Amino acid sequence: MFTVFLKINNINNSRFVINVPKVLEKRSVYRNFTKRVVGEVIGKQLNNLNNIHYDFSFKMKKIITRENKLLLEKEISQMIKDLQISQNQNHDQKNHS
């Protein structure tokens, strides 16, 4: 559904950009709906990150509809969980060094 690029930033909050190419959908109503839904889902999930702040760039590969919104939520939730696991592993490695 999307490609994400991320980088740890040094400011006190995470930031994100959502890119919905016009090639996916000519009508701006559907592109803007996609941006709003992705923004809502990300906003809910950002609280789960443990004091490490990222810059996210999402490039959408599909237009989000009401029907596939749950799939998007699952994918983003899984991505955040993977980031948490990665954070914990890096933190553990630094403490053992």
Protein backbone atom coordinates (compact mmCIF):
# COMPACT_ATOMS: atom_id res chain seq x y z
CA MET A 1 0.00 0.00 0.00
CA PHE A 2 2.90 2.36 0.66
CA THR A 3 6.63 2.78 0.76
CA VAL A 4 8.09 4.48 3.80
CA PHE A 5 11.43 6.19 4.27
CA LEU A 6 12.46 7.10 7.77
CA LYS A 7 15.28 8.77 9.59
CA ILE A 8 15.84 9.49 13.27
CA ASN A 9 15.64 13.22 13.95
CA ASN A 10 17.04 15.28 16.82
CA ILE A 11 13.96 17.31 17.65
CA ASN A 12 11.32 16.53 20.26
CA ASN A 13 8.63 15.20 17.94
CA SER A 14 8.15 12.93 14.96
CA ARG A 15 7.24 14.42 11.61
CA PHE A 16 5.70 12.83 8.58
CA VAL A 17 5.00 13.57 4.92
CA ILE A 18 2.36 11.75 2.89
CA ASN A 19 2.81 11.71 -0.87
CA VAL A 20 -0.13 10.57 -3.01
CA PRO A 21 0.90 10.78 -6.69
CA LYS A 22 -1.64 12.09 -9.16
CA VAL A 23 -0.96 8.99 -11.26
CA LEU A 24 -2.89 6.93 -8.69
CA GLU A 25 -6.02 9.05 -8.88
CA LYS A 26 -6.85 12.16 -10.88
CA ARG A 27 -9.54 13.34 -8.48
CA SER A 28 -8.14 15.32 -5.58
CA VAL A 29 -11.04 14.29 -3.33
CA TYR A 30 -9.71 10.72 -3.20
CA ARG A 31 -6.06 11.78 -2.89
CA ASN A 32 -6.95 14.09 0.02
CA PHE A 33 -9.06 11.39 1.68
CA THR A 34 -6.06 9.07 1.46
CA LYS A 35 -3.82 11.69 3.09
CA ARG A 36 -6.32 12.31 5.89
CA VAL A 37 -6.77 8.62 6.67
CA VAL A 38 -3.02 7.93 6.65
CA GLY A 39 -2.44 10.96 8.88
CA GLU A 40 -5.06 9.79 11.38
CA VAL A 41 -3.63 6.27 11.53
CA ILE A 42 -0.06 7.51 11.96
CA GLY A 43 -1.12 9.99 14.62
CA LYS A 44 -2.70 7.22 16.67
CA GLN A 45 0.37 5.00 16.36
CA LEU A 46 3.07 7.61 17.10
CA ASN A 47 2.31 7.43 20.81
CA ASN A 48 3.69 3.90 20.77
CA LEU A 49 7.24 5.01 19.92
CA ASN A 50 9.50 5.18 22.96
CA ASN A 51 11.04 8.65 23.04
CA ILE A 52 12.82 8.23 19.72
CA HIS A 53 11.59 10.63 17.09
CA TYR A 54 11.56 9.97 13.37
CA ASP A 55 11.01 11.79 10.11
CA PHE A 56 8.65 9.63 8.04
CA SER A 57 7.99 9.95 4.34
CA PHE A 58 5.12 7.84 3.04
CA LYS A 59 4.71 7.35 -0.69
CA MET A 60 1.36 5.78 -1.33
CA LYS A 61 0.99 2.99 -3.90
CA LYS A 62 -2.80 2.70 -3.55
CA ILE A 63 -5.68 5.03 -2.88
CA ILE A 64 -7.21 4.35 0.53
CA THR A 65 -10.93 3.68 0.64
CA ARG A 66 -13.24 2.93 3.52
CA GLU A 67 -12.97 -0.75 2.63
CA ASN A 68 -9.18 -1.02 2.84
CA LYS A 69 -8.67 1.38 5.77
CA LEU A 70 -8.37 -1.52 8.24
CA LEU A 71 -5.62 -3.09 6.15
CA LEU A 72 -3.70 0.20 6.23
CA GLU A 73 -4.10 0.39 10.01
CA LYS A 74 -2.70 -3.13 10.38
CA GLU A 75 0.29 -2.39 8.12
CA ILE A 76 1.20 0.83 9.91
CA SER A 77 0.70 -0.78 13.31
CA GLN A 78 3.03 -3.61 12.31
CA MET A 79 5.62 -1.12 11.03
CA ILE A 80 5.55 0.73 14.39
CA LYS A 81 5.91 -2.57 16.28
CA ASP A 82 8.91 -3.47 14.13
CA LEU A 83 10.45 -0.07 14.90
CA GLN A 84 9.92 -0.67 18.63
CA ILE A 85 11.61 -4.07 18.41
CA SER A 86 14.49 -2.50 16.51
CA GLN A 87 14.78 0.29 19.11
CA ASN A 88 14.84 -2.21 21.95
CA GLN A 89 17.49 -4.36 20.28
CA ASN A 90 19.71 -1.34 19.58
CA HIS A 91 19.25 -0.12 23.15
CA ASP A 92 20.15 -3.56 24.54
CA GLN A 93 23.26 -3.77 22.33
CA LYS A 94 24.46 -0.36 23.52
CA ASN A 95 23.97 -1.33 27.16
CA HIS A 96 25.94 -4.56 26.75
CA SER A 97 28.88 -2.87 25.05
